[in-house]
Amino acid sequence: LFYSEGPSVVTKLKERGHRVFLDLKLHDIPNTVRRAMSVLGRLGIDMTNVHAAGTSEMMRAALEGLSSGSAGDRPLLLAVTQLTSTAPQALREELLIDVPMEQTVMSYAENAARSGLDGVVCSPLEAEAVHGRCGKSFLTVTPGIRFAGTDAGDQKRIMTPEKARLAGSDYIVVGRPVTASDDPAAAYVRCLSEFLG
């Protein structure tokens, strides 16, 4: 949506009273990310993210840029650990990370916490462990949410909204189960009901 409509869509959503998670997953050299975040911080967003693989230096630069660009309260800043579409085999064979998925996610989460970020984007399978390692106030935002009995699509590490809540997810990210539904409004209500219990 941001790529097709540009920054004006954020302004329109904010004018309607919505909170906005700008999920751009920045990953670049620290200076570029710092400058980009200073611009994004002026949009009035509530939450945004970077890739933890960009290193602690890049995450600190992102936080600095976001803080300098924000008028008033700074948006929450998260680090993406490993995408929920990444299978353990791809982690080893394509990304050449030869440690288990959970260990990789925990290391990235700890780097994000030490860098001053507010939390991470991780699979709901890892939410409880992240809280155990980084504290209950360190946010876990979890994509890979699917309704029971539905197609996982390209997602590899998934949970239902209810199981994600029970696993400790603070927020869930739900795309196609709502947007590709024949009745998106009903799917949204179902998702909310299952997650909130």
N, C-alpha and C. Protein backbone atom coordinates (compact mmCIF):
# COMPACT_ATOMS: atom_id res chain seq x y z
N LEU A 1 0.83 -1.20 0.00
CA LEU A 1 0.00 0.00 0.00
C LEU A 1 0.87 1.26 0.00
N PHE A 2 1.91 1.25 0.84
CA PHE A 2 2.80 2.41 0.91
C PHE A 2 3.52 2.62 -0.43
N TYR A 3 3.95 1.52 -1.05
CA TYR A 3 4.66 1.65 -2.32
C TYR A 3 3.75 2.11 -3.45
N SER A 4 2.48 1.73 -3.41
CA SER A 4 1.58 2.15 -4.49
C SER A 4 0.98 3.53 -4.26
N GLU A 5 0.77 3.91 -3.00
CA GLU A 5 0.09 5.18 -2.70
C GLU A 5 1.01 6.25 -2.12
N GLY A 6 2.14 5.85 -1.57
CA GLY A 6 3.08 6.83 -1.02
C GLY A 6 2.71 7.30 0.38
N PRO A 7 3.49 8.25 0.90
CA PRO A 7 3.29 8.74 2.27
C PRO A 7 1.91 9.31 2.55
N SER A 8 1.21 9.76 1.51
CA SER A 8 -0.10 10.36 1.74
C SER A 8 -1.10 9.38 2.34
N VAL A 9 -0.90 8.08 2.09
CA VAL A 9 -1.83 7.10 2.65
C VAL A 9 -1.71 7.07 4.18
N VAL A 10 -0.51 7.30 4.70
CA VAL A 10 -0.33 7.35 6.15
C VAL A 10 -1.09 8.54 6.72
N THR A 11 -0.94 9.67 6.07
CA THR A 11 -1.65 10.88 6.51
C THR A 11 -3.15 10.65 6.53
N LYS A 12 -3.68 10.03 5.48
CA LYS A 12 -5.12 9.77 5.41
C LYS A 12 -5.59 8.84 6.50
N LEU A 13 -4.82 7.79 6.76
CA LEU A 13 -5.19 6.85 7.83
C LEU A 13 -5.14 7.52 9.20
N LYS A 14 -4.12 8.34 9.42
CA LYS A 14 -4.01 9.03 10.71
C LYS A 14 -5.15 10.03 10.89
N GLU A 15 -5.55 10.71 9.81
CA GLU A 15 -6.66 11.65 9.89
C GLU A 15 -7.97 10.95 10.27
N ARG A 16 -8.06 9.66 9.94
CA ARG A 16 -9.26 8.87 10.30
C ARG A 16 -9.15 8.25 11.69
N GLY A 17 -8.06 8.54 12.39
CA GLY A 17 -7.91 8.05 13.76
C GLY A 17 -7.27 6.68 13.91
N HIS A 18 -6.67 6.17 12.82
CA HIS A 18 -6.06 4.84 12.89
C HIS A 18 -4.61 4.93 13.36
N ARG A 19 -4.15 3.85 13.99
CA ARG A 19 -2.73 3.71 14.30
C ARG A 19 -2.08 3.00 13.11
N VAL A 20 -0.84 3.33 12.82
CA VAL A 20 -0.18 2.81 11.62
C VAL A 20 1.14 2.13 11.97
N PHE A 21 1.26 0.86 11.56
CA PHE A 21 2.52 0.12 11.61
C PHE A 21 3.08 0.16 10.20
N LEU A 22 4.11 0.95 9.98
CA LEU A 22 4.73 1.07 8.67
C LEU A 22 5.80 -0.02 8.56
N ASP A 23 5.44 -1.10 7.89
CA ASP A 23 6.22 -2.33 7.85
C ASP A 23 7.13 -2.35 6.62
N LEU A 24 8.17 -1.51 6.64
CA LEU A 24 9.05 -1.39 5.47
C LEU A 24 10.33 -2.22 5.60
N LYS A 25 10.65 -2.69 6.80
CA LYS A 25 11.80 -3.58 7.02
C LYS A 25 13.09 -3.01 6.43
N LEU A 26 13.46 -1.82 6.82
CA LEU A 26 14.68 -1.21 6.27
C LEU A 26 15.92 -2.05 6.59
N HIS A 27 16.83 -2.11 5.63
CA HIS A 27 18.08 -2.85 5.79
C HIS A 27 19.09 -2.23 4.83
N ASP A 28 19.96 -1.41 5.38
CA ASP A 28 20.94 -0.71 4.55
C ASP A 28 22.08 -0.28 5.46
N ILE A 29 23.00 0.51 4.92
CA ILE A 29 24.09 0.99 5.76
C ILE A 29 23.52 1.94 6.82
N PRO A 30 24.19 2.05 7.97
CA PRO A 30 23.64 2.85 9.07
C PRO A 30 23.24 4.28 8.70
N ASN A 31 24.06 4.97 7.94
CA ASN A 31 23.76 6.35 7.59
C ASN A 31 22.47 6.46 6.77
N THR A 32 22.30 5.56 5.80
CA THR A 32 21.10 5.58 4.96
C THR A 32 19.85 5.30 5.80
N VAL A 33 19.94 4.33 6.70
CA VAL A 33 18.80 3.99 7.54
C VAL A 33 18.48 5.13 8.51
N ARG A 34 19.50 5.76 9.06
CA ARG A 34 19.29 6.90 9.96
C ARG A 34 18.52 8.01 9.24
N ARG A 35 18.95 8.33 8.04
CA ARG A 35 18.30 9.41 7.29
C ARG A 35 16.88 9.03 6.88
N ALA A 36 16.68 7.79 6.46
CA ALA A 36 15.34 7.33 6.08
C ALA A 36 14.40 7.39 7.28
N MET A 37 14.87 6.95 8.42
CA MET A 37 14.03 6.94 9.61
C MET A 37 13.68 8.36 10.08
N SER A 38 14.57 9.29 9.88
CA SER A 38 14.24 10.67 10.27
C SER A 38 13.10 11.22 9.43
N VAL A 39 13.01 10.77 8.18
CA VAL A 39 11.89 11.17 7.32
C VAL A 39 10.61 10.43 7.72
N LEU A 40 10.72 9.13 7.92
CA LEU A 40 9.54 8.34 8.28
C LEU A 40 8.97 8.78 9.63
N GLY A 41 9.83 9.20 10.53
CA GLY A 41 9.37 9.66 11.85
C GLY A 41 8.47 10.88 11.78
N ARG A 42 8.59 11.64 10.72
CA ARG A 42 7.76 12.85 10.56
C ARG A 42 6.37 12.54 10.01
N LEU A 43 6.12 11.27 9.64
CA LEU A 43 4.82 10.91 9.07
C LEU A 43 3.73 10.71 10.12
N GLY A 44 4.12 10.63 11.38
CA GLY A 44 3.14 10.39 12.43
C GLY A 44 2.80 8.93 12.62
N ILE A 45 3.66 8.03 12.13
CA ILE A 45 3.43 6.60 12.30
C ILE A 45 3.54 6.21 13.77
N ASP A 46 3.01 5.03 14.09
CA ASP A 46 3.05 4.56 15.47
C ASP A 46 4.09 3.47 15.70
N MET A 47 4.46 2.78 14.62
CA MET A 47 5.40 1.67 14.73
C MET A 47 6.04 1.45 13.37
N THR A 48 7.33 1.08 13.37
CA THR A 48 8.03 0.75 12.13
C THR A 48 9.12 -0.26 12.44
N ASN A 49 9.87 -0.68 11.41
CA ASN A 49 10.86 -1.73 11.66
C ASN A 49 12.06 -1.67 10.72
N VAL A 50 13.07 -2.43 11.13
CA VAL A 50 14.29 -2.65 10.36
C VAL A 50 14.61 -4.13 10.43
N HIS A 51 15.52 -4.59 9.59
CA HIS A 51 15.99 -5.97 9.69
C HIS A 51 17.12 -6.04 10.71
N ALA A 52 17.00 -6.95 11.68
CA ALA A 52 18.04 -7.13 12.69
C ALA A 52 19.37 -7.55 12.06
N ALA A 53 19.32 -8.19 10.90
CA ALA A 53 20.54 -8.63 10.22
C ALA A 53 21.40 -7.45 9.77
N GLY A 54 20.85 -6.24 9.82
CA GLY A 54 21.61 -5.05 9.46
C GLY A 54 22.65 -4.67 10.50
N THR A 55 22.71 -5.36 11.61
CA THR A 55 23.67 -5.18 12.71
C THR A 55 23.20 -4.16 13.74
N SER A 56 23.81 -4.26 14.91
CA SER A 56 23.48 -3.36 16.02
C SER A 56 23.75 -1.90 15.66
N GLU A 57 24.82 -1.65 14.93
CA GLU A 57 25.13 -0.27 14.53
C GLU A 57 24.00 0.31 13.69
N MET A 58 23.48 -0.47 12.76
CA MET A 58 22.38 0.01 11.93
C MET A 58 21.12 0.22 12.76
N MET A 59 20.84 -0.69 13.71
CA MET A 59 19.65 -0.53 14.55
C MET A 59 19.74 0.72 15.41
N ARG A 60 20.91 0.99 15.97
CA ARG A 60 21.09 2.21 16.77
C ARG A 60 20.92 3.46 15.89
N ALA A 61 21.43 3.39 14.66
CA ALA A 61 21.27 4.51 13.74
C ALA A 61 19.80 4.73 13.40
N ALA A 62 19.05 3.65 13.23
CA ALA A 62 17.62 3.75 12.94
C ALA A 62 16.90 4.43 14.10
N LEU A 63 17.23 4.04 15.31
CA LEU A 63 16.61 4.62 16.49
C LEU A 63 16.94 6.11 16.61
N GLU A 64 18.18 6.44 16.33
CA GLU A 64 18.60 7.85 16.36
C GLU A 64 17.83 8.67 15.33
N GLY A 65 17.72 8.16 14.11
CA GLY A 65 17.01 8.87 13.06
C GLY A 65 15.54 9.01 13.37
N LEU A 66 14.93 7.95 13.86
CA LEU A 66 13.50 7.97 14.18
C LEU A 66 13.22 8.96 15.31
N SER A 67 14.10 8.99 16.29
CA SER A 67 13.94 9.92 17.43
C SER A 67 14.08 11.37 16.99
N SER A 68 15.03 11.62 16.08
CA SER A 68 15.25 13.00 15.64
C SER A 68 14.15 13.49 14.71
N GLY A 69 13.50 12.56 14.00
CA GLY A 69 12.47 12.95 13.05
C GLY A 69 11.08 13.05 13.63
N SER A 70 10.90 12.56 14.85
CA SER A 70 9.57 12.50 15.44
C SER A 70 9.26 13.73 16.25
N ALA A 71 8.06 14.26 16.04
CA ALA A 71 7.59 15.36 16.88
C ALA A 71 6.77 14.73 17.99
N GLY A 72 7.19 14.90 19.22
CA GLY A 72 6.47 14.28 20.34
C GLY A 72 6.97 12.88 20.58
N ASP A 73 6.06 11.97 20.88
CA ASP A 73 6.45 10.59 21.18
C ASP A 73 7.03 9.91 19.96
N ARG A 74 8.13 9.21 20.17
CA ARG A 74 8.78 8.47 19.10
C ARG A 74 7.96 7.23 18.78
N PRO A 75 7.83 6.88 17.49
CA PRO A 75 7.18 5.62 17.14
C PRO A 75 7.96 4.43 17.71
N LEU A 76 7.27 3.34 17.95
CA LEU A 76 7.93 2.12 18.37
C LEU A 76 8.81 1.62 17.22
N LEU A 77 9.98 1.11 17.58
CA LEU A 77 10.91 0.59 16.58
C LEU A 77 11.19 -0.88 16.88
N LEU A 78 10.96 -1.72 15.89
CA LEU A 78 11.14 -3.16 16.01
C LEU A 78 12.21 -3.64 15.05
N ALA A 79 12.79 -4.80 15.37
CA ALA A 79 13.74 -5.44 14.47
C ALA A 79 13.15 -6.76 14.00
N VAL A 80 13.17 -6.99 12.71
CA VAL A 80 12.72 -8.25 12.14
C VAL A 80 13.83 -9.28 12.36
N THR A 81 13.48 -10.40 12.99
CA THR A 81 14.49 -11.44 13.26
C THR A 81 14.68 -12.31 12.02
N GLN A 82 13.81 -13.27 11.82
CA GLN A 82 13.81 -14.07 10.60
C GLN A 82 12.38 -14.10 10.07
N LEU A 83 12.23 -13.95 8.78
CA LEU A 83 10.90 -13.95 8.18
C LEU A 83 10.19 -15.28 8.44
N THR A 84 8.88 -15.22 8.62
CA THR A 84 8.12 -16.44 8.88
C THR A 84 8.02 -17.33 7.65
N SER A 85 8.45 -16.85 6.52
CA SER A 85 8.52 -17.68 5.31
C SER A 85 9.85 -18.43 5.21
N THR A 86 10.79 -18.15 6.13
CA THR A 86 12.09 -18.80 6.10
C THR A 86 12.04 -20.11 6.87
N ALA A 87 12.31 -21.20 6.18
CA ALA A 87 12.36 -22.52 6.80
C ALA A 87 13.77 -22.77 7.33
N PRO A 88 13.91 -23.64 8.33
CA PRO A 88 15.25 -23.96 8.85
C PRO A 88 16.23 -24.40 7.77
N GLN A 89 15.76 -25.15 6.78
CA GLN A 89 16.63 -25.61 5.70
C GLN A 89 17.17 -24.42 4.89
N ALA A 90 16.31 -23.44 4.60
CA ALA A 90 16.76 -22.25 3.87
C ALA A 90 17.74 -21.43 4.70
N LEU A 91 17.52 -21.40 6.01
CA LEU A 91 18.44 -20.69 6.90
C LEU A 91 19.85 -21.25 6.74
N ARG A 92 19.96 -22.58 6.70
CA ARG A 92 21.27 -23.23 6.56
C ARG A 92 21.81 -23.15 5.14
N GLU A 93 20.98 -23.53 4.17
CA GLU A 93 21.49 -23.73 2.81
C GLU A 93 21.57 -22.47 1.97
N GLU A 94 20.70 -21.49 2.24
CA GLU A 94 20.71 -20.27 1.43
C GLU A 94 21.30 -19.07 2.16
N LEU A 95 20.95 -18.92 3.43
CA LEU A 95 21.47 -17.79 4.20
C LEU A 95 22.79 -18.13 4.88
N LEU A 96 23.17 -19.41 4.84
CA LEU A 96 24.43 -19.91 5.40
C LEU A 96 24.56 -19.63 6.90
N ILE A 97 23.43 -19.68 7.60
CA ILE A 97 23.42 -19.54 9.05
C ILE A 97 23.30 -20.95 9.61
N ASP A 98 24.39 -21.43 10.18
CA ASP A 98 24.46 -22.83 10.58
C ASP A 98 24.18 -23.03 12.07
N VAL A 99 23.22 -22.29 12.59
CA VAL A 99 22.74 -22.52 13.95
C VAL A 99 21.22 -22.64 13.87
N PRO A 100 20.59 -23.29 14.84
CA PRO A 100 19.14 -23.46 14.78
C PRO A 100 18.38 -22.13 14.71
N MET A 101 17.19 -22.19 14.13
CA MET A 101 16.36 -21.00 13.95
C MET A 101 16.15 -20.25 15.27
N GLU A 102 15.76 -20.96 16.32
CA GLU A 102 15.47 -20.26 17.58
C GLU A 102 16.71 -19.56 18.13
N GLN A 103 17.88 -20.16 18.00
CA GLN A 103 19.11 -19.53 18.46
C GLN A 103 19.40 -18.26 17.66
N THR A 104 19.18 -18.31 16.37
CA THR A 104 19.37 -17.12 15.53
C THR A 104 18.41 -16.01 15.94
N VAL A 105 17.14 -16.36 16.12
CA VAL A 105 16.13 -15.37 16.52
C VAL A 105 16.48 -14.77 17.88
N MET A 106 16.90 -15.60 18.84
CA MET A 106 17.24 -15.10 20.17
C MET A 106 18.44 -14.15 20.12
N SER A 107 19.42 -14.48 19.31
CA SER A 107 20.59 -13.61 19.18
C SER A 107 20.20 -12.26 18.58
N TYR A 108 19.37 -12.28 17.54
CA TYR A 108 18.91 -11.04 16.93
C TYR A 108 18.07 -10.22 17.92
N ALA A 109 17.23 -10.91 18.68
CA ALA A 109 16.39 -10.21 19.67
C ALA A 109 17.25 -9.54 20.74
N GLU A 110 18.25 -10.25 21.21
CA GLU A 110 19.15 -9.67 22.22
C GLU A 110 19.91 -8.46 21.66
N ASN A 111 20.36 -8.56 20.41
CA ASN A 111 21.04 -7.42 19.78
C ASN A 111 20.10 -6.22 19.69
N ALA A 112 18.84 -6.48 19.34
CA ALA A 112 17.86 -5.40 19.24
C ALA A 112 17.61 -4.76 20.60
N ALA A 113 17.48 -5.58 21.62
CA ALA A 113 17.25 -5.05 22.97
C ALA A 113 18.44 -4.21 23.43
N ARG A 114 19.65 -4.72 23.21
CA ARG A 114 20.85 -3.96 23.60
C ARG A 114 20.98 -2.66 22.80
N SER A 115 20.42 -2.64 21.60
CA SER A 115 20.48 -1.44 20.76
C SER A 115 19.41 -0.42 21.12
N GLY A 116 18.54 -0.76 22.06
CA GLY A 116 17.52 0.19 22.53
C GLY A 116 16.19 0.10 21.82
N LEU A 117 15.99 -0.92 20.97
CA LEU A 117 14.73 -1.04 20.25
C LEU A 117 13.62 -1.52 21.20
N ASP A 118 12.39 -1.37 20.76
CA ASP A 118 11.24 -1.68 21.61
C ASP A 118 10.80 -3.13 21.53
N GLY A 119 11.26 -3.86 20.53
CA GLY A 119 10.85 -5.25 20.39
C GLY A 119 11.29 -5.81 19.07
N VAL A 120 10.74 -6.97 18.75
CA VAL A 120 11.10 -7.65 17.51
C VAL A 120 9.85 -8.15 16.79
N VAL A 121 10.02 -8.37 15.50
CA VAL A 121 9.07 -9.12 14.70
C VAL A 121 9.64 -10.53 14.62
N CYS A 122 8.86 -11.51 15.08
CA CYS A 122 9.31 -12.89 15.07
C CYS A 122 8.11 -13.80 14.85
N SER A 123 8.38 -15.06 14.62
CA SER A 123 7.30 -16.03 14.53
C SER A 123 6.64 -16.16 15.90
N PRO A 124 5.34 -16.45 15.94
CA PRO A 124 4.71 -16.69 17.25
C PRO A 124 5.33 -17.88 17.97
N LEU A 125 5.98 -18.76 17.22
CA LEU A 125 6.66 -19.91 17.83
C LEU A 125 7.79 -19.47 18.75
N GLU A 126 8.32 -18.27 18.54
CA GLU A 126 9.47 -17.78 19.31
C GLU A 126 9.11 -16.70 20.33
N ALA A 127 7.85 -16.27 20.36
CA ALA A 127 7.46 -15.14 21.20
C ALA A 127 7.76 -15.38 22.68
N GLU A 128 7.38 -16.52 23.18
CA GLU A 128 7.59 -16.81 24.60
C GLU A 128 9.08 -16.81 24.96
N ALA A 129 9.89 -17.41 24.10
CA ALA A 129 11.33 -17.46 24.35
C ALA A 129 11.95 -16.06 24.30
N VAL A 130 11.47 -15.21 23.38
CA VAL A 130 11.98 -13.84 23.31
C VAL A 130 11.66 -13.09 24.61
N HIS A 131 10.43 -13.24 25.10
CA HIS A 131 10.08 -12.60 26.38
C HIS A 131 10.94 -13.14 27.52
N GLY A 132 11.20 -14.44 27.50
CA GLY A 132 12.04 -15.02 28.54
C GLY A 132 13.45 -14.49 28.51
N ARG A 133 13.95 -14.20 27.33
CA ARG A 133 15.32 -13.72 27.18
C ARG A 133 15.44 -12.21 27.33
N CYS A 134 14.45 -11.46 26.82
CA CYS A 134 14.58 -10.00 26.76
C CYS A 134 13.61 -9.25 27.68
N GLY A 135 12.72 -9.96 28.36
CA GLY A 135 11.80 -9.33 29.29
C GLY A 135 10.39 -9.19 28.73
N LYS A 136 9.43 -9.14 29.64
CA LYS A 136 8.02 -9.08 29.25
C LYS A 136 7.67 -7.78 28.53
N SER A 137 8.37 -6.68 28.84
CA SER A 137 8.04 -5.39 28.22
C SER A 137 8.64 -5.26 26.81
N PHE A 138 9.51 -6.17 26.43
CA PHE A 138 10.11 -6.17 25.09
C PHE A 138 9.08 -6.81 24.15
N LEU A 139 8.57 -6.03 23.21
CA LEU A 139 7.43 -6.44 22.41
C LEU A 139 7.74 -7.55 21.41
N THR A 140 6.76 -8.43 21.22
CA THR A 140 6.83 -9.42 20.16
C THR A 140 5.65 -9.19 19.22
N VAL A 141 5.96 -8.87 17.99
CA VAL A 141 4.96 -8.66 16.94
C VAL A 141 5.11 -9.85 16.00
N THR A 142 4.02 -10.62 15.83
CA THR A 142 4.16 -11.91 15.17
C THR A 142 3.28 -12.05 13.93
N PRO A 143 3.92 -12.10 12.76
CA PRO A 143 3.22 -12.51 11.54
C PRO A 143 3.13 -14.03 11.50
N GLY A 144 2.74 -14.57 10.35
CA GLY A 144 2.60 -16.02 10.24
C GLY A 144 1.33 -16.50 10.92
N ILE A 145 0.30 -15.67 10.91
CA ILE A 145 -0.98 -16.02 11.55
C ILE A 145 -1.92 -16.60 10.49
N ARG A 146 -2.45 -17.77 10.78
CA ARG A 146 -3.39 -18.44 9.90
C ARG A 146 -4.52 -19.03 10.73
N PHE A 147 -5.72 -19.05 10.16
CA PHE A 147 -6.83 -19.72 10.83
C PHE A 147 -6.63 -21.23 10.74
N ALA A 148 -7.13 -21.95 11.73
CA ALA A 148 -7.02 -23.41 11.74
C ALA A 148 -7.67 -23.98 10.48
N GLY A 149 -6.97 -24.93 9.87
CA GLY A 149 -7.51 -25.63 8.71
C GLY A 149 -7.43 -24.88 7.40
N THR A 150 -6.72 -23.74 7.37
CA THR A 150 -6.60 -22.99 6.13
C THR A 150 -5.19 -23.13 5.56
N ASP A 151 -5.02 -22.74 4.31
CA ASP A 151 -3.75 -22.85 3.60
C ASP A 151 -2.71 -21.92 4.20
N ALA A 152 -1.52 -22.44 4.44
CA ALA A 152 -0.43 -21.64 4.99
C ALA A 152 0.22 -20.74 3.95
N GLY A 153 0.00 -21.01 2.66
CA GLY A 153 0.65 -20.22 1.61
C GLY A 153 2.16 -20.39 1.69
N ASP A 154 2.89 -19.28 1.61
CA ASP A 154 4.35 -19.34 1.66
C ASP A 154 4.90 -19.27 3.08
N GLN A 155 4.02 -19.25 4.07
CA GLN A 155 4.44 -19.16 5.46
C GLN A 155 4.88 -20.54 5.96
N LYS A 156 5.97 -20.58 6.71
CA LYS A 156 6.50 -21.85 7.21
C LYS A 156 6.30 -22.01 8.72
N ARG A 157 6.38 -20.93 9.46
CA ARG A 157 6.32 -20.99 10.93
C ARG A 157 5.07 -20.22 11.36
N ILE A 158 3.96 -20.95 11.54
CA ILE A 158 2.66 -20.31 11.71
C ILE A 158 1.95 -20.75 12.99
N MET A 159 0.93 -19.97 13.36
CA MET A 159 0.03 -20.29 14.46
C MET A 159 -1.32 -19.64 14.19
N THR A 160 -2.32 -20.12 14.89
CA THR A 160 -3.63 -19.47 14.84
C THR A 160 -3.59 -18.24 15.73
N PRO A 161 -4.54 -17.32 15.57
CA PRO A 161 -4.56 -16.14 16.46
C PRO A 161 -4.63 -16.52 17.94
N GLU A 162 -5.45 -17.51 18.28
CA GLU A 162 -5.58 -17.91 19.68
C GLU A 162 -4.27 -18.48 20.21
N LYS A 163 -3.65 -19.36 19.45
CA LYS A 163 -2.39 -19.96 19.91
C LYS A 163 -1.28 -18.91 20.01
N ALA A 164 -1.30 -17.92 19.12
CA ALA A 164 -0.31 -16.85 19.19
C ALA A 164 -0.46 -16.06 20.50
N ARG A 165 -1.70 -15.80 20.88
CA ARG A 165 -1.94 -15.10 22.16
C ARG A 165 -1.40 -15.94 23.31
N LEU A 166 -1.72 -17.22 23.31
CA LEU A 166 -1.27 -18.10 24.38
C LEU A 166 0.24 -18.25 24.41
N ALA A 167 0.88 -18.10 23.26
CA ALA A 167 2.34 -18.20 23.17
C ALA A 167 3.05 -16.91 23.57
N GLY A 168 2.28 -15.84 23.82
CA GLY A 168 2.90 -14.61 24.30
C GLY A 168 3.03 -13.50 23.29
N SER A 169 2.43 -13.62 22.11
CA SER A 169 2.50 -12.54 21.13
C SER A 169 1.80 -11.30 21.68
N ASP A 170 2.48 -10.16 21.59
CA ASP A 170 1.87 -8.89 22.02
C ASP A 170 0.95 -8.33 20.95
N TYR A 171 1.38 -8.45 19.70
CA TYR A 171 0.60 -8.02 18.54
C TYR A 171 0.73 -9.10 17.48
N ILE A 172 -0.29 -9.25 16.65
CA ILE A 172 -0.19 -10.16 15.52
C ILE A 172 -0.33 -9.37 14.22
N VAL A 173 0.31 -9.88 13.19
CA VAL A 173 0.23 -9.29 11.85
C VAL A 173 -0.53 -10.28 10.99
N VAL A 174 -1.65 -9.86 10.44
CA VAL A 174 -2.50 -10.75 9.66
C VAL A 174 -2.74 -10.11 8.29
N GLY A 175 -2.34 -10.79 7.25
CA GLY A 175 -2.53 -10.29 5.90
C GLY A 175 -3.58 -11.06 5.15
N ARG A 176 -3.15 -12.05 4.38
CA ARG A 176 -4.05 -12.78 3.47
C ARG A 176 -5.26 -13.44 4.13
N PRO A 177 -5.18 -13.94 5.36
CA PRO A 177 -6.41 -14.50 5.94
C PRO A 177 -7.55 -13.48 5.99
N VAL A 178 -7.20 -12.19 6.02
CA VAL A 178 -8.22 -11.13 5.98
C VAL A 178 -8.36 -10.59 4.56
N THR A 179 -7.26 -10.17 3.95
CA THR A 179 -7.36 -9.48 2.66
C THR A 179 -7.81 -10.39 1.52
N ALA A 180 -7.52 -11.69 1.60
CA ALA A 180 -7.92 -12.61 0.53
C ALA A 180 -9.24 -13.32 0.85
N SER A 181 -9.85 -12.96 1.96
CA SER A 181 -11.11 -13.60 2.36
C SER A 181 -12.27 -13.10 1.49
N ASP A 182 -13.26 -13.94 1.31
CA ASP A 182 -14.48 -13.51 0.61
C ASP A 182 -15.22 -12.44 1.40
N ASP A 183 -15.02 -12.43 2.72
CA ASP A 183 -15.64 -11.44 3.60
C ASP A 183 -14.57 -10.91 4.55
N PRO A 184 -13.75 -9.95 4.09
CA PRO A 184 -12.64 -9.45 4.91
C PRO A 184 -13.08 -8.91 6.27
N ALA A 185 -14.23 -8.24 6.33
CA ALA A 185 -14.68 -7.69 7.62
C ALA A 185 -14.95 -8.81 8.60
N ALA A 186 -15.62 -9.87 8.16
CA ALA A 186 -15.90 -11.00 9.04
C ALA A 186 -14.61 -11.71 9.46
N ALA A 187 -13.67 -11.83 8.54
CA ALA A 187 -12.39 -12.47 8.86
C ALA A 187 -11.63 -11.64 9.89
N TYR A 188 -11.70 -10.32 9.75
CA TYR A 188 -11.04 -9.44 10.73
C TYR A 188 -11.66 -9.61 12.11
N VAL A 189 -12.98 -9.64 12.18
CA VAL A 189 -13.66 -9.81 13.47
C VAL A 189 -13.32 -11.16 14.07
N ARG A 190 -13.29 -12.21 13.25
CA ARG A 190 -12.92 -13.54 13.74
C ARG A 190 -11.51 -13.54 14.30
N CYS A 191 -10.59 -12.92 13.57
CA CYS A 191 -9.20 -12.87 14.01
C CYS A 191 -9.08 -12.13 15.34
N LEU A 192 -9.74 -11.00 15.43
CA LEU A 192 -9.71 -10.22 16.67
C LEU A 192 -10.29 -11.00 17.83
N SER A 193 -11.40 -11.66 17.59
CA SER A 193 -12.07 -12.46 18.63
C SER A 193 -11.16 -13.60 19.12
N GLU A 194 -10.53 -14.28 18.17
CA GLU A 194 -9.65 -15.39 18.56
C GLU A 194 -8.42 -14.90 19.31
N PHE A 195 -7.86 -13.77 18.88
CA PHE A 195 -6.65 -13.27 19.52
C PHE A 195 -6.94 -12.69 20.90
N LEU A 196 -8.04 -11.98 21.05
CA LEU A 196 -8.34 -11.36 22.33
C LEU A 196 -9.00 -12.33 23.31
N GLY A 197 -9.49 -13.45 22.79
CA GLY A 197 -10.09 -14.46 23.66
C GLY A 197 -11.44 -14.03 24.12
